[in-house]
Amino acid sequence: MAAFFMLSTVIVGCQRDKDDDDEEEEVVRNNSSIVPSQFQGRSNVKLGAIYVDTRTLELGVYDHGTIDGDIISLYVNGKLVLDKYTLKGPADIKKVKVTLDYTGYNYILMYAHNEGSIPPNTCTLTVKDASSTKDFVLESNLSSNGAVDVIVD
């Protein structure tokens, strides 16, 4: 009996305490769209949805039409991730890595600082997750912002 007690004490005594770093952060799940109705005094137009399998993404942007000097800012869930960027062509894609705040619904919004020489601003948004890359076209002008739901399954 004494040997069993001693063995139990040794095993329990060797267990490592959990650190805060070991605990997984709990991520909130949004079950419906969180695109606000407006942003910076402009209405937001939801243009569709993209489904992804991870919260960590690589976003890319380039001018969807003629390269005409479109200047945009890109927001993810209201947070600025690309500021006043002049869109270039598909051979010169600007890439940004992001981690989405939520599982379920998130959003990406494009804010137009101008309309280039050919309105409206058009941007191809590439969204790369762990398994694939998806393209989506966003449009914005000086009175409305283009937005897309990004849904983490």
N, C-alpha and C. Protein backbone atom coordinates (compact mmCIF):
# COMPACT_ATOMS: atom_id res chain seq x y z
N MET A 1 0.82 -1.19 0.00
CA MET A 1 0.00 0.00 0.00
C MET A 1 0.87 1.26 0.00
N ALA A 2 1.96 1.24 0.77
CA ALA A 2 2.86 2.39 0.83
C ALA A 2 3.51 2.63 -0.52
N ALA A 3 3.84 1.54 -1.24
CA ALA A 3 4.45 1.68 -2.57
C ALA A 3 3.48 2.33 -3.54
N PHE A 4 2.21 1.98 -3.49
CA PHE A 4 1.19 2.57 -4.37
C PHE A 4 1.05 4.06 -4.10
N PHE A 5 1.00 4.44 -2.83
CA PHE A 5 0.87 5.84 -2.44
C PHE A 5 2.06 6.65 -2.94
N MET A 6 3.27 6.10 -2.81
CA MET A 6 4.47 6.79 -3.24
C MET A 6 4.47 6.96 -4.76
N LEU A 7 4.07 5.94 -5.51
CA LEU A 7 4.01 6.01 -6.96
C LEU A 7 2.99 7.05 -7.40
N SER A 8 1.84 7.08 -6.78
CA SER A 8 0.81 8.06 -7.11
C SER A 8 1.31 9.46 -6.87
N THR A 9 2.00 9.67 -5.79
CA THR A 9 2.52 10.99 -5.46
C THR A 9 3.53 11.44 -6.50
N VAL A 10 4.39 10.54 -6.92
CA VAL A 10 5.40 10.89 -7.92
C VAL A 10 4.74 11.26 -9.24
N ILE A 11 3.76 10.49 -9.68
CA ILE A 11 3.09 10.77 -10.95
C ILE A 11 2.38 12.11 -10.90
N VAL A 12 1.62 12.34 -9.85
CA VAL A 12 0.91 13.60 -9.72
C VAL A 12 1.90 14.75 -9.60
N GLY A 13 2.97 14.55 -8.86
CA GLY A 13 3.95 15.59 -8.66
C GLY A 13 4.69 15.97 -9.94
N CYS A 14 4.72 15.10 -10.93
CA CYS A 14 5.43 15.38 -12.17
C CYS A 14 4.57 16.04 -13.23
N GLN A 15 3.28 16.16 -12.99
CA GLN A 15 2.43 16.79 -13.99
C GLN A 15 2.74 18.27 -14.06
N ARG A 16 2.76 18.76 -15.29
CA ARG A 16 3.08 20.16 -15.51
C ARG A 16 1.81 21.00 -15.37
N ASP A 17 1.92 22.11 -14.68
CA ASP A 17 0.78 23.02 -14.59
C ASP A 17 0.54 23.65 -15.95
N LYS A 18 -0.74 23.91 -16.25
CA LYS A 18 -1.07 24.58 -17.51
C LYS A 18 -0.71 26.05 -17.40
N ASP A 19 -0.03 26.55 -18.39
CA ASP A 19 0.23 27.98 -18.48
C ASP A 19 -0.90 28.62 -19.25
N ASP A 20 -1.03 29.92 -19.13
CA ASP A 20 -2.02 30.63 -19.93
C ASP A 20 -1.73 30.46 -21.41
N ASP A 21 -0.44 30.32 -21.77
CA ASP A 21 -0.07 30.16 -23.17
C ASP A 21 -0.56 28.84 -23.75
N ASP A 22 -0.75 27.83 -22.89
CA ASP A 22 -1.18 26.52 -23.36
C ASP A 22 -2.67 26.48 -23.69
N GLU A 23 -3.43 27.37 -23.11
CA GLU A 23 -4.87 27.35 -23.34
C GLU A 23 -5.17 27.96 -24.70
N GLU A 24 -6.06 27.30 -25.44
CA GLU A 24 -6.47 27.84 -26.72
C GLU A 24 -7.40 29.01 -26.49
N GLU A 25 -7.20 30.05 -27.29
CA GLU A 25 -8.06 31.21 -27.18
C GLU A 25 -9.44 30.84 -27.72
N GLU A 26 -10.45 31.25 -27.01
CA GLU A 26 -11.81 30.95 -27.44
C GLU A 26 -12.22 31.98 -28.49
N VAL A 27 -12.67 31.50 -29.64
CA VAL A 27 -13.02 32.37 -30.75
C VAL A 27 -14.54 32.43 -30.86
N VAL A 28 -15.06 33.64 -30.93
CA VAL A 28 -16.49 33.85 -31.07
C VAL A 28 -16.93 33.44 -32.46
N ARG A 29 -18.11 32.84 -32.57
CA ARG A 29 -18.69 32.47 -33.86
C ARG A 29 -19.85 33.40 -34.17
N ASN A 30 -19.81 34.03 -35.33
CA ASN A 30 -20.93 34.85 -35.81
C ASN A 30 -21.75 34.00 -36.77
N ASN A 31 -23.03 33.89 -36.50
CA ASN A 31 -23.90 33.05 -37.33
C ASN A 31 -24.64 33.82 -38.40
N SER A 32 -24.41 35.13 -38.49
CA SER A 32 -25.01 35.92 -39.57
C SER A 32 -24.06 37.07 -39.91
N SER A 33 -24.34 37.72 -41.01
CA SER A 33 -23.46 38.78 -41.51
C SER A 33 -23.30 39.90 -40.49
N ILE A 34 -22.08 40.43 -40.40
CA ILE A 34 -21.80 41.54 -39.49
C ILE A 34 -21.39 42.80 -40.27
N VAL A 35 -21.64 42.83 -41.59
CA VAL A 35 -21.32 44.02 -42.38
C VAL A 35 -22.21 45.16 -41.88
N PRO A 36 -21.61 46.27 -41.42
CA PRO A 36 -22.44 47.39 -40.97
C PRO A 36 -23.15 48.05 -42.14
N SER A 37 -24.22 48.79 -41.88
CA SER A 37 -24.97 49.42 -42.97
C SER A 37 -24.20 50.57 -43.59
N GLN A 38 -23.30 51.21 -42.81
CA GLN A 38 -22.47 52.25 -43.39
C GLN A 38 -21.11 52.32 -42.71
N PHE A 39 -20.19 52.99 -43.39
CA PHE A 39 -18.83 53.13 -42.88
C PHE A 39 -18.29 54.46 -43.37
N GLN A 40 -17.78 55.27 -42.47
CA GLN A 40 -17.22 56.60 -42.76
C GLN A 40 -18.17 57.43 -43.61
N GLY A 41 -19.44 57.42 -43.25
CA GLY A 41 -20.44 58.26 -43.91
C GLY A 41 -20.95 57.74 -45.25
N ARG A 42 -20.53 56.56 -45.63
CA ARG A 42 -20.98 55.97 -46.90
C ARG A 42 -21.75 54.69 -46.63
N SER A 43 -22.72 54.40 -47.50
CA SER A 43 -23.44 53.13 -47.37
C SER A 43 -22.53 51.99 -47.80
N ASN A 44 -22.74 50.82 -47.20
CA ASN A 44 -21.99 49.62 -47.58
C ASN A 44 -22.89 48.72 -48.41
N VAL A 45 -22.36 48.24 -49.52
CA VAL A 45 -23.09 47.34 -50.40
C VAL A 45 -22.44 45.97 -50.31
N LYS A 46 -23.21 45.01 -49.79
CA LYS A 46 -22.69 43.64 -49.68
C LYS A 46 -22.80 42.99 -51.05
N LEU A 47 -21.67 42.54 -51.58
CA LEU A 47 -21.60 42.03 -52.94
C LEU A 47 -21.57 40.51 -53.03
N GLY A 48 -21.56 39.82 -51.89
CA GLY A 48 -21.54 38.36 -51.93
C GLY A 48 -20.82 37.79 -50.74
N ALA A 49 -20.39 36.52 -50.89
CA ALA A 49 -19.73 35.81 -49.80
C ALA A 49 -18.63 34.91 -50.33
N ILE A 50 -17.61 34.73 -49.52
CA ILE A 50 -16.51 33.82 -49.81
C ILE A 50 -16.41 32.87 -48.62
N TYR A 51 -16.31 31.58 -48.89
CA TYR A 51 -16.16 30.57 -47.83
C TYR A 51 -14.70 30.15 -47.75
N VAL A 52 -14.17 30.12 -46.53
CA VAL A 52 -12.78 29.72 -46.30
C VAL A 52 -12.74 28.67 -45.20
N ASP A 53 -11.60 27.96 -45.10
CA ASP A 53 -11.51 26.90 -44.09
C ASP A 53 -10.62 27.24 -42.90
N THR A 54 -9.98 28.42 -42.92
CA THR A 54 -9.14 28.84 -41.80
C THR A 54 -9.32 30.33 -41.53
N ARG A 55 -8.97 30.75 -40.32
CA ARG A 55 -9.04 32.17 -39.98
C ARG A 55 -7.82 32.94 -40.49
N THR A 56 -6.73 32.24 -40.76
CA THR A 56 -5.52 32.89 -41.26
C THR A 56 -5.56 32.90 -42.78
N LEU A 57 -5.49 34.12 -43.34
CA LEU A 57 -5.64 34.28 -44.79
C LEU A 57 -4.54 35.18 -45.34
N GLU A 58 -4.30 35.02 -46.65
CA GLU A 58 -3.49 35.98 -47.38
C GLU A 58 -4.42 36.65 -48.38
N LEU A 59 -4.55 37.96 -48.27
CA LEU A 59 -5.38 38.73 -49.19
C LEU A 59 -4.49 39.37 -50.23
N GLY A 60 -4.99 39.47 -51.45
CA GLY A 60 -4.29 40.16 -52.51
C GLY A 60 -5.25 41.09 -53.23
N VAL A 61 -4.76 42.22 -53.72
CA VAL A 61 -5.60 43.15 -54.47
C VAL A 61 -4.88 43.64 -55.71
N TYR A 62 -5.67 43.82 -56.77
CA TYR A 62 -5.17 44.47 -57.99
C TYR A 62 -6.34 45.05 -58.75
N ASP A 63 -6.06 45.99 -59.66
CA ASP A 63 -7.12 46.65 -60.42
C ASP A 63 -7.80 45.63 -61.33
N HIS A 64 -9.11 45.55 -61.23
CA HIS A 64 -9.86 44.56 -62.01
C HIS A 64 -10.01 44.95 -63.47
N GLY A 65 -10.06 46.23 -63.74
CA GLY A 65 -10.24 46.70 -65.12
C GLY A 65 -8.98 47.36 -65.62
N THR A 66 -9.17 48.49 -66.26
CA THR A 66 -8.05 49.28 -66.74
C THR A 66 -7.32 49.90 -65.55
N ILE A 67 -6.01 49.86 -65.59
CA ILE A 67 -5.23 50.47 -64.51
C ILE A 67 -5.32 51.98 -64.70
N ASP A 68 -6.10 52.61 -63.81
CA ASP A 68 -6.45 54.02 -64.02
C ASP A 68 -6.24 54.88 -62.78
N GLY A 69 -5.43 54.42 -61.83
CA GLY A 69 -5.11 55.23 -60.67
C GLY A 69 -6.06 55.10 -59.50
N ASP A 70 -6.84 54.00 -59.45
CA ASP A 70 -7.73 53.77 -58.31
C ASP A 70 -6.93 53.70 -57.01
N ILE A 71 -7.37 54.44 -55.99
CA ILE A 71 -6.74 54.40 -54.67
C ILE A 71 -7.77 53.89 -53.68
N ILE A 72 -7.40 52.83 -52.94
CA ILE A 72 -8.33 52.20 -52.01
C ILE A 72 -7.70 51.99 -50.64
N SER A 73 -8.57 51.79 -49.67
CA SER A 73 -8.16 51.24 -48.38
C SER A 73 -8.98 49.98 -48.17
N LEU A 74 -8.40 49.01 -47.51
CA LEU A 74 -9.06 47.73 -47.26
C LEU A 74 -9.19 47.53 -45.76
N TYR A 75 -10.40 47.13 -45.34
CA TYR A 75 -10.69 46.91 -43.92
C TYR A 75 -11.18 45.48 -43.73
N VAL A 76 -10.75 44.85 -42.65
CA VAL A 76 -11.24 43.53 -42.27
C VAL A 76 -11.92 43.68 -40.91
N ASN A 77 -13.22 43.42 -40.88
CA ASN A 77 -14.01 43.59 -39.65
C ASN A 77 -13.80 44.97 -39.04
N GLY A 78 -13.71 45.99 -39.90
CA GLY A 78 -13.57 47.37 -39.43
C GLY A 78 -12.15 47.80 -39.12
N LYS A 79 -11.19 46.89 -39.23
CA LYS A 79 -9.79 47.23 -38.94
C LYS A 79 -9.03 47.45 -40.24
N LEU A 80 -8.29 48.55 -40.30
CA LEU A 80 -7.52 48.90 -41.49
C LEU A 80 -6.38 47.91 -41.69
N VAL A 81 -6.32 47.29 -42.89
CA VAL A 81 -5.22 46.37 -43.20
C VAL A 81 -4.39 46.84 -44.40
N LEU A 82 -4.94 47.79 -45.17
CA LEU A 82 -4.22 48.35 -46.32
C LEU A 82 -4.69 49.78 -46.48
N ASP A 83 -3.76 50.75 -46.42
CA ASP A 83 -4.12 52.16 -46.37
C ASP A 83 -3.72 52.90 -47.64
N LYS A 84 -4.70 53.50 -48.30
CA LYS A 84 -4.49 54.40 -49.45
C LYS A 84 -3.52 53.81 -50.47
N TYR A 85 -3.86 52.63 -50.93
CA TYR A 85 -3.01 51.90 -51.88
C TYR A 85 -3.51 52.15 -53.30
N THR A 86 -2.59 52.48 -54.21
CA THR A 86 -2.92 52.66 -55.62
C THR A 86 -2.86 51.30 -56.30
N LEU A 87 -4.02 50.85 -56.82
CA LEU A 87 -4.11 49.52 -57.43
C LEU A 87 -3.27 49.44 -58.69
N LYS A 88 -2.60 48.32 -58.85
CA LYS A 88 -1.80 48.04 -60.04
C LYS A 88 -2.42 46.85 -60.76
N GLY A 89 -1.74 46.30 -61.72
CA GLY A 89 -2.27 45.19 -62.51
C GLY A 89 -2.05 43.84 -61.86
N PRO A 90 -2.57 42.78 -62.50
CA PRO A 90 -2.47 41.43 -61.93
C PRO A 90 -1.04 40.90 -61.83
N ALA A 91 -0.11 41.51 -62.54
CA ALA A 91 1.29 41.08 -62.44
C ALA A 91 1.96 41.66 -61.18
N ASP A 92 1.27 42.61 -60.53
CA ASP A 92 1.85 43.28 -59.35
C ASP A 92 0.82 43.30 -58.22
N ILE A 93 0.43 42.12 -57.74
CA ILE A 93 -0.59 41.99 -56.70
C ILE A 93 -0.01 42.41 -55.35
N LYS A 94 -0.73 43.28 -54.66
CA LYS A 94 -0.36 43.66 -53.29
C LYS A 94 -0.94 42.63 -52.34
N LYS A 95 -0.10 42.02 -51.49
CA LYS A 95 -0.55 40.95 -50.58
C LYS A 95 -0.46 41.41 -49.13
N VAL A 96 -1.44 40.96 -48.34
CA VAL A 96 -1.53 41.28 -46.92
C VAL A 96 -1.97 40.03 -46.18
N LYS A 97 -1.28 39.67 -45.10
CA LYS A 97 -1.70 38.52 -44.28
C LYS A 97 -2.57 39.02 -43.13
N VAL A 98 -3.67 38.30 -42.89
CA VAL A 98 -4.60 38.67 -41.82
C VAL A 98 -5.05 37.43 -41.07
N THR A 99 -5.47 37.63 -39.84
CA THR A 99 -6.14 36.59 -39.07
C THR A 99 -7.52 37.12 -38.71
N LEU A 100 -8.55 36.43 -39.17
CA LEU A 100 -9.92 36.87 -38.91
C LEU A 100 -10.24 36.75 -37.43
N ASP A 101 -11.09 37.64 -36.95
CA ASP A 101 -11.46 37.68 -35.53
C ASP A 101 -12.38 36.54 -35.12
N TYR A 102 -13.17 36.05 -36.06
CA TYR A 102 -14.27 35.14 -35.71
C TYR A 102 -14.27 33.89 -36.59
N THR A 103 -14.96 32.85 -36.10
CA THR A 103 -15.40 31.79 -36.99
C THR A 103 -16.78 32.22 -37.46
N GLY A 104 -17.29 31.56 -38.48
CA GLY A 104 -18.55 32.03 -39.05
C GLY A 104 -18.28 33.28 -39.87
N TYR A 105 -19.11 34.31 -39.67
CA TYR A 105 -19.09 35.50 -40.52
C TYR A 105 -18.07 36.55 -40.08
N ASN A 106 -17.30 37.03 -41.05
CA ASN A 106 -16.40 38.17 -40.97
C ASN A 106 -16.70 39.00 -42.21
N TYR A 107 -16.01 40.12 -42.40
CA TYR A 107 -16.19 40.85 -43.66
C TYR A 107 -14.94 41.61 -44.06
N ILE A 108 -14.85 41.83 -45.37
CA ILE A 108 -13.80 42.66 -45.96
C ILE A 108 -14.51 43.80 -46.67
N LEU A 109 -14.02 45.02 -46.47
CA LEU A 109 -14.64 46.20 -47.06
C LEU A 109 -13.60 47.00 -47.82
N MET A 110 -13.98 47.48 -49.01
CA MET A 110 -13.10 48.33 -49.81
C MET A 110 -13.65 49.75 -49.81
N TYR A 111 -12.82 50.70 -49.40
CA TYR A 111 -13.16 52.12 -49.35
C TYR A 111 -12.41 52.81 -50.48
N ALA A 112 -13.13 53.55 -51.33
CA ALA A 112 -12.51 54.26 -52.45
C ALA A 112 -12.10 55.67 -52.03
N HIS A 113 -10.84 56.02 -52.25
CA HIS A 113 -10.38 57.39 -51.99
C HIS A 113 -10.54 58.25 -53.23
N ASN A 114 -10.66 57.62 -54.37
CA ASN A 114 -10.95 58.30 -55.64
C ASN A 114 -11.62 57.27 -56.54
N GLU A 115 -11.88 57.65 -57.78
CA GLU A 115 -12.45 56.68 -58.73
C GLU A 115 -11.54 56.51 -59.94
N GLY A 116 -10.28 56.88 -59.79
CA GLY A 116 -9.37 56.78 -60.91
C GLY A 116 -9.88 57.61 -62.07
N SER A 117 -9.46 57.30 -63.27
CA SER A 117 -9.96 58.04 -64.44
C SER A 117 -11.20 57.38 -65.04
N ILE A 118 -11.54 56.16 -64.59
CA ILE A 118 -12.71 55.44 -65.10
C ILE A 118 -13.51 54.91 -63.90
N PRO A 119 -14.56 55.64 -63.48
CA PRO A 119 -15.37 55.18 -62.34
C PRO A 119 -16.13 53.90 -62.67
N PRO A 120 -16.49 53.11 -61.65
CA PRO A 120 -16.09 53.19 -60.24
C PRO A 120 -14.76 52.49 -60.03
N ASN A 121 -14.29 52.47 -58.79
CA ASN A 121 -13.11 51.67 -58.45
C ASN A 121 -13.50 50.20 -58.54
N THR A 122 -12.70 49.43 -59.24
CA THR A 122 -12.92 47.98 -59.29
C THR A 122 -11.63 47.30 -58.88
N CYS A 123 -11.78 46.31 -58.04
CA CYS A 123 -10.62 45.64 -57.46
C CYS A 123 -10.88 44.14 -57.46
N THR A 124 -9.92 43.37 -57.94
CA THR A 124 -9.99 41.93 -57.75
C THR A 124 -9.33 41.63 -56.41
N LEU A 125 -10.10 40.97 -55.55
CA LEU A 125 -9.63 40.55 -54.24
C LEU A 125 -9.33 39.07 -54.31
N THR A 126 -8.10 38.67 -54.02
CA THR A 126 -7.78 37.25 -53.93
C THR A 126 -7.73 36.87 -52.45
N VAL A 127 -8.33 35.74 -52.13
CA VAL A 127 -8.37 35.27 -50.75
C VAL A 127 -7.79 33.86 -50.74
N LYS A 128 -6.64 33.72 -50.09
CA LYS A 128 -5.96 32.42 -50.03
C LYS A 128 -6.05 31.88 -48.61
N ASP A 129 -6.64 30.68 -48.47
CA ASP A 129 -6.68 30.02 -47.17
C ASP A 129 -5.73 28.83 -47.21
N ALA A 130 -5.89 27.88 -46.32
CA ALA A 130 -4.96 26.75 -46.24
C ALA A 130 -5.03 25.83 -47.45
N SER A 131 -6.17 25.83 -48.16
CA SER A 131 -6.33 24.84 -49.23
C SER A 131 -6.61 25.40 -50.62
N SER A 132 -6.96 26.68 -50.74
CA SER A 132 -7.31 27.20 -52.07
C SER A 132 -7.19 28.72 -52.12
N THR A 133 -7.30 29.24 -53.34
CA THR A 133 -7.33 30.69 -53.57
C THR A 133 -8.60 31.01 -54.33
N LYS A 134 -9.31 32.02 -53.85
CA LYS A 134 -10.57 32.44 -54.48
C LYS A 134 -10.44 33.89 -54.90
N ASP A 135 -11.04 34.24 -56.03
CA ASP A 135 -11.06 35.62 -56.51
C ASP A 135 -12.46 36.18 -56.36
N PHE A 136 -12.53 37.47 -56.03
CA PHE A 136 -13.81 38.15 -55.87
C PHE A 136 -13.63 39.58 -56.34
N VAL A 137 -14.61 40.13 -57.06
CA VAL A 137 -14.51 41.50 -57.55
C VAL A 137 -15.29 42.43 -56.62
N LEU A 138 -14.60 43.45 -56.12
CA LEU A 138 -15.22 44.48 -55.29
C LEU A 138 -15.32 45.77 -56.09
N GLU A 139 -16.40 46.52 -55.88
CA GLU A 139 -16.58 47.84 -56.48
C GLU A 139 -16.89 48.83 -55.39
N SER A 140 -16.32 50.03 -55.50
CA SER A 140 -16.62 51.13 -54.58
C SER A 140 -16.61 52.42 -55.37
N ASN A 141 -17.34 53.41 -54.84
CA ASN A 141 -17.31 54.75 -55.42
C ASN A 141 -17.27 55.75 -54.26
N LEU A 142 -17.49 57.01 -54.56
CA LEU A 142 -17.37 58.03 -53.52
C LEU A 142 -18.60 58.13 -52.64
N SER A 143 -19.64 57.32 -52.92
CA SER A 143 -20.83 57.33 -52.05
C SER A 143 -21.13 55.98 -51.42
N SER A 144 -20.49 54.91 -51.90
CA SER A 144 -20.73 53.59 -51.29
C SER A 144 -19.46 52.73 -51.30
N ASN A 145 -19.39 51.87 -50.31
CA ASN A 145 -18.26 50.94 -50.16
C ASN A 145 -18.70 49.54 -50.57
N GLY A 146 -17.82 48.80 -51.20
CA GLY A 146 -18.10 47.41 -51.53
C GLY A 146 -17.62 46.51 -50.40
N ALA A 147 -18.44 45.52 -50.05
CA ALA A 147 -18.08 44.61 -48.96
C ALA A 147 -18.41 43.17 -49.36
N VAL A 148 -17.71 42.24 -48.75
CA VAL A 148 -17.95 40.81 -48.97
C VAL A 148 -17.88 40.09 -47.63
N ASP A 149 -18.85 39.20 -47.40
CA ASP A 149 -18.78 38.34 -46.22
C ASP A 149 -17.69 37.31 -46.44
N VAL A 150 -16.92 37.03 -45.41
CA VAL A 150 -15.92 35.95 -45.44
C VAL A 150 -16.33 35.00 -44.32
N ILE A 151 -16.73 33.79 -44.71
CA ILE A 151 -17.31 32.85 -43.77
C ILE A 151 -16.34 31.70 -43.52
N VAL A 152 -15.92 31.57 -42.26
CA VAL A 152 -15.01 30.50 -41.87
C VAL A 152 -15.85 29.31 -41.44
N ASP A 153 -15.74 28.22 -42.21
CA ASP A 153 -16.50 26.99 -41.89
C ASP A 153 -15.81 26.19 -40.82
